[in-house]
Amino acid sequence: MSKVADLETCAFPKGVLFDLDGTLLDSAPDMLAALNTMRGQHDLAPMLLAELRPHVSRGARAMLAAAFPHMAEPEREARVGPFLQCYERELGLHGGPFDGIEAMLAQLEAAGCIWGIVTNKPEYLALQLLPLLGWHERCAVLIGGDTLTARKPDPLPLIVAAQRIGVAVADCVYVGDDERDIAAARAAGMPSVVALWGYRTLEDDPVAWRGDVLIEQPVALCAACAWPARR
């Protein structure tokens, strides 16, 4: 059950950490452009955005599996590097923040909340995106999938991110659209928000992830009472 703050205790968190792809950023169009370039090299028809979108939060290998389902796994593995290179050329050209994200971030900042990003995307790619989005001076911490010795669903990235922004783990909230996000938050002892606007497959059951709060649209998080109650 969602643990939303009651009216008497409504308050924005001291710190908020976000997943990137599928939570803050609708990056699927950039990913699609990269994959369709690669499909064209194999004389394959372009993939549709709706076909790719459910797989984006699961990383490069899942997207390559969706784009090249008949290719053997070792062949797809060899294309991870070329895909990332191709994606880097498309970075920020087609996608952008989800509707309501900018308003939500502005509200958090106005409330004195510190926010940052913990993603499984390679750090060098995430760092390139920040200035394109105008977030490089606003985002207090960025941890990528290769920044530390572990990545989500391991809790280490969330714990380290909280330490770097100087906020206790229990006083942070993690927002993500994938089961790994919520599992990492739970393992860290950090309250969580399930971003239902993100990327999911038909088989996903967000309720079963046991996040503290499930939110349909980013704009809902402009209200203090939408956030998990402080423990």
Protein backbone atom coordinates (compact mmCIF):
# COMPACT_ATOMS: atom_id res chain seq x y z
CA MET A 1 0.00 0.00 0.00
CA SER A 2 1.27 3.49 -0.81
CA LYS A 3 2.61 5.30 2.24
CA VAL A 4 1.73 8.89 1.34
CA ALA A 5 2.15 11.64 3.93
CA ASP A 6 -1.04 12.84 5.65
CA LEU A 7 -1.92 16.54 5.54
CA GLU A 8 -0.36 17.29 8.91
CA THR A 9 3.01 15.82 7.97
CA CYS A 10 3.23 16.84 4.30
CA ALA A 11 6.79 17.80 3.42
CA PHE A 12 9.14 17.43 0.50
CA PRO A 13 12.09 15.08 1.15
CA LYS A 14 15.45 16.56 2.13
CA GLY A 15 16.99 14.74 -0.83
CA VAL A 16 15.64 13.04 -3.95
CA LEU A 17 17.60 10.69 -6.19
CA PHE A 18 16.25 9.83 -9.61
CA ASP A 19 16.79 7.13 -12.16
CA LEU A 20 17.47 8.74 -15.55
CA ASP A 21 16.10 6.81 -18.54
CA GLY A 22 12.37 6.28 -18.18
CA THR A 23 12.11 8.44 -15.07
CA LEU A 24 13.49 11.91 -15.74
CA LEU A 25 14.26 11.45 -19.41
CA ASP A 26 12.32 10.02 -22.33
CA SER A 27 15.46 8.79 -24.05
CA ALA A 28 13.75 6.09 -26.13
CA PRO A 29 13.70 8.24 -29.31
CA ASP A 30 17.50 8.67 -29.14
CA MET A 31 17.95 4.94 -28.56
CA LEU A 32 15.61 4.18 -31.46
CA ALA A 33 17.60 6.36 -33.86
CA ALA A 34 20.79 4.53 -32.90
CA LEU A 35 19.27 1.06 -33.22
CA ASN A 36 17.62 1.85 -36.54
CA THR A 37 20.97 3.00 -37.90
CA MET A 38 22.35 -0.42 -36.95
CA ARG A 39 19.32 -2.24 -38.34
CA GLY A 40 19.79 -0.40 -41.60
CA GLN A 41 23.33 -1.75 -41.77
CA HIS A 42 21.75 -5.24 -41.72
CA ASP A 43 19.11 -4.32 -44.33
CA LEU A 44 16.37 -4.52 -41.71
CA ALA A 45 13.31 -2.27 -41.66
CA PRO A 46 13.21 0.46 -39.02
CA MET A 47 11.97 -0.57 -35.59
CA LEU A 48 8.94 1.25 -34.17
CA LEU A 49 9.23 3.33 -31.02
CA ALA A 50 6.42 1.36 -29.38
CA GLU A 51 8.41 -1.85 -29.91
CA LEU A 52 11.51 -0.46 -28.20
CA ARG A 53 10.07 1.65 -25.39
CA PRO A 54 9.34 -1.20 -22.91
CA HIS A 55 12.97 -2.36 -23.02
CA VAL A 56 14.86 0.92 -22.56
CA SER A 57 15.14 0.81 -18.75
CA ARG A 58 16.72 -2.64 -18.95
CA GLY A 59 19.85 -1.41 -20.71
CA ALA A 60 21.77 -1.87 -23.94
CA ARG A 61 21.64 -5.65 -24.05
CA ALA A 62 17.87 -5.75 -23.63
CA MET A 63 17.43 -3.16 -26.36
CA LEU A 64 19.72 -5.05 -28.72
CA ALA A 65 17.75 -8.23 -28.01
CA ALA A 66 14.55 -6.40 -28.95
CA ALA A 67 16.11 -4.92 -32.09
CA PHE A 68 17.85 -8.15 -33.21
CA PRO A 69 15.77 -11.01 -31.73
CA HIS A 70 17.06 -13.58 -34.22
CA MET A 71 20.72 -12.76 -33.64
CA ALA A 72 22.71 -15.10 -31.40
CA GLU A 73 23.61 -13.68 -28.00
CA PRO A 74 27.39 -13.60 -28.66
CA GLU A 75 26.74 -11.57 -31.83
CA ARG A 76 24.57 -9.12 -29.93
CA GLU A 77 27.15 -8.86 -27.15
CA ALA A 78 29.76 -7.84 -29.72
CA ARG A 79 27.47 -5.00 -30.78
CA VAL A 80 27.09 -3.40 -27.34
CA GLY A 81 30.11 -1.13 -27.94
CA PRO A 82 29.04 -0.06 -31.44
CA PHE A 83 25.51 0.59 -30.18
CA LEU A 84 26.78 2.87 -27.42
CA GLN A 85 28.95 4.73 -29.93
CA CYS A 86 25.98 5.14 -32.25
CA TYR A 87 23.76 6.24 -29.37
CA GLU A 88 26.34 8.82 -28.30
CA ARG A 89 26.00 10.47 -31.70
CA GLU A 90 22.21 10.70 -31.22
CA LEU A 91 22.41 11.86 -27.59
CA GLY A 92 19.81 14.50 -26.79
CA LEU A 93 18.75 14.97 -30.42
CA HIS A 94 15.34 13.29 -30.31
CA GLY A 95 14.22 12.76 -26.71
CA GLY A 96 13.85 15.05 -23.71
CA PRO A 97 12.44 15.26 -20.20
CA PHE A 98 9.01 13.75 -19.68
CA ASP A 99 6.13 16.23 -19.42
CA GLY A 100 6.01 17.69 -15.94
CA ILE A 101 9.62 16.88 -15.00
CA GLU A 102 10.89 20.45 -15.24
CA ALA A 103 7.99 21.76 -13.13
CA MET A 104 8.61 19.06 -10.54
CA LEU A 105 12.35 19.76 -10.33
CA ALA A 106 11.67 23.49 -9.97
CA GLN A 107 9.25 22.79 -7.13
CA LEU A 108 11.80 20.59 -5.35
CA GLU A 109 14.45 23.27 -5.69
CA ALA A 110 12.09 25.95 -4.41
CA ALA A 111 11.42 23.77 -1.37
CA GLY A 112 15.16 23.49 -0.66
CA CYS A 113 15.39 19.84 -1.69
CA ILE A 114 18.72 18.53 -3.01
CA TRP A 115 18.36 16.24 -6.01
CA GLY A 116 20.65 13.98 -7.99
CA ILE A 117 20.75 11.07 -10.42
CA VAL A 118 21.63 7.41 -9.92
CA THR A 119 21.47 5.52 -13.22
CA ASN A 120 22.79 2.32 -14.72
CA LYS A 121 23.67 4.25 -17.88
CA PRO A 122 27.47 4.56 -18.33
CA GLU A 123 28.66 7.63 -16.46
CA TYR A 124 30.30 9.28 -19.49
CA LEU A 125 27.00 9.25 -21.39
CA ALA A 126 24.98 10.55 -18.46
CA LEU A 127 27.49 13.36 -17.91
CA GLN A 128 27.17 14.43 -21.54
CA LEU A 129 23.39 14.68 -21.18
CA LEU A 130 23.35 17.04 -18.19
CA PRO A 131 24.43 20.23 -20.02
CA LEU A 132 22.15 19.38 -22.93
CA LEU A 133 19.24 19.35 -20.48
CA GLY A 134 20.41 22.36 -18.51
CA TRP A 135 20.89 20.22 -15.40
CA HIS A 136 24.67 20.30 -15.01
CA GLU A 137 24.56 23.05 -12.38
CA ARG A 138 21.38 21.80 -10.71
CA CYS A 139 22.06 18.09 -10.26
CA ALA A 140 23.98 17.67 -6.98
CA VAL A 141 25.34 14.18 -7.70
CA LEU A 142 25.48 11.80 -10.64
CA ILE A 143 26.38 8.14 -10.30
CA GLY A 144 26.43 5.95 -13.40
CA GLY A 145 26.35 2.22 -13.81
CA ASP A 146 30.14 2.08 -13.97
CA THR A 147 30.97 4.75 -11.36
CA LEU A 148 31.26 2.28 -8.47
CA THR A 149 31.98 -1.42 -8.04
CA ALA A 150 28.26 -2.25 -8.05
CA ARG A 151 25.16 -1.03 -9.84
CA LYS A 152 21.42 -1.27 -9.22
CA PRO A 153 19.73 -3.38 -7.88
CA ASP A 154 22.67 -3.30 -5.47
CA PRO A 155 22.01 -0.52 -2.91
CA LEU A 156 25.59 0.82 -2.98
CA PRO A 157 25.01 3.56 -5.61
CA LEU A 158 22.06 4.97 -3.65
CA ILE A 159 23.96 4.89 -0.36
CA VAL A 160 27.00 6.61 -1.87
CA ALA A 161 24.84 9.21 -3.61
CA ALA A 162 23.13 10.09 -0.32
CA GLN A 163 26.53 10.43 1.34
CA ARG A 164 27.79 12.73 -1.41
CA ILE A 165 24.84 15.12 -1.09
CA GLY A 166 25.10 15.06 2.70
CA VAL A 167 21.62 13.69 3.37
CA ALA A 168 20.85 10.61 5.47
CA VAL A 169 19.63 7.62 3.47
CA ALA A 170 16.31 7.60 5.35
CA ASP A 171 15.79 11.29 4.49
CA CYS A 172 16.21 10.66 0.75
CA VAL A 173 13.65 9.25 -1.66
CA TYR A 174 14.54 7.29 -4.79
CA VAL A 175 12.32 7.62 -7.87
CA GLY A 176 12.53 4.97 -10.60
CA ASP A 177 10.52 3.16 -13.24
CA ASP A 178 12.11 -0.30 -13.04
CA GLU A 179 11.93 -3.10 -10.47
CA ARG A 180 15.71 -2.85 -9.97
CA ASP A 181 15.27 0.75 -8.86
CA ILE A 182 12.79 -0.13 -6.16
CA ALA A 183 14.76 -3.19 -5.04
CA ALA A 184 17.89 -1.03 -4.66
CA ALA A 185 16.01 1.55 -2.60
CA ARG A 186 14.49 -1.09 -0.34
CA ALA A 187 17.89 -2.72 0.21
CA ALA A 188 19.37 0.69 1.06
CA GLY A 189 16.61 1.52 3.52
CA MET A 190 15.52 4.45 1.33
CA PRO A 191 11.86 5.28 0.65
CA SER A 192 10.87 4.93 -2.99
CA VAL A 193 8.48 6.23 -5.63
CA VAL A 194 7.47 4.03 -8.56
CA ALA A 195 7.36 6.18 -11.70
CA LEU A 196 4.43 4.66 -13.58
CA TRP A 197 5.00 6.96 -16.56
CA GLY A 198 8.23 5.13 -17.40
CA TYR A 199 9.19 2.12 -19.49
CA ARG A 200 7.64 -1.25 -18.65
CA THR A 201 6.81 -4.52 -20.37
CA LEU A 202 3.34 -6.03 -20.25
CA GLU A 203 4.62 -8.63 -17.80
CA ASP A 204 5.73 -6.05 -15.23
CA ASP A 205 3.62 -5.64 -12.08
CA PRO A 206 4.70 -2.39 -10.39
CA VAL A 207 2.52 -3.07 -7.36
CA ALA A 208 4.54 -6.23 -6.67
CA TRP A 209 7.75 -4.17 -6.51
CA ARG A 210 6.64 -2.88 -3.10
CA GLY A 211 7.54 0.74 -3.58
CA ASP A 212 6.29 3.21 -0.98
CA VAL A 213 4.29 5.31 -3.44
CA LEU A 214 3.10 4.77 -7.02
CA ILE A 215 2.74 7.94 -9.11
CA GLU A 216 1.08 8.21 -12.51
CA GLN A 217 2.61 11.48 -13.76
CA PRO A 218 5.60 13.65 -12.75
CA VAL A 219 3.42 16.71 -12.14
CA ALA A 220 1.82 14.93 -9.18
CA LEU A 221 5.17 15.17 -7.38
CA CYS A 222 4.84 18.97 -7.33
CA ALA A 223 2.68 18.40 -4.24
CA ALA A 224 4.45 17.71 -0.96
CA CYS A 225 1.80 15.23 0.13
CA ALA A 226 2.48 13.00 -2.89
CA TRP A 227 5.86 12.01 -1.48
CA PRO A 228 6.36 9.11 0.99
CA ALA A 229 5.83 10.07 4.61
CA ARG A 230 9.04 10.57 6.50
CA ARG A 231 9.92 7.61 8.68
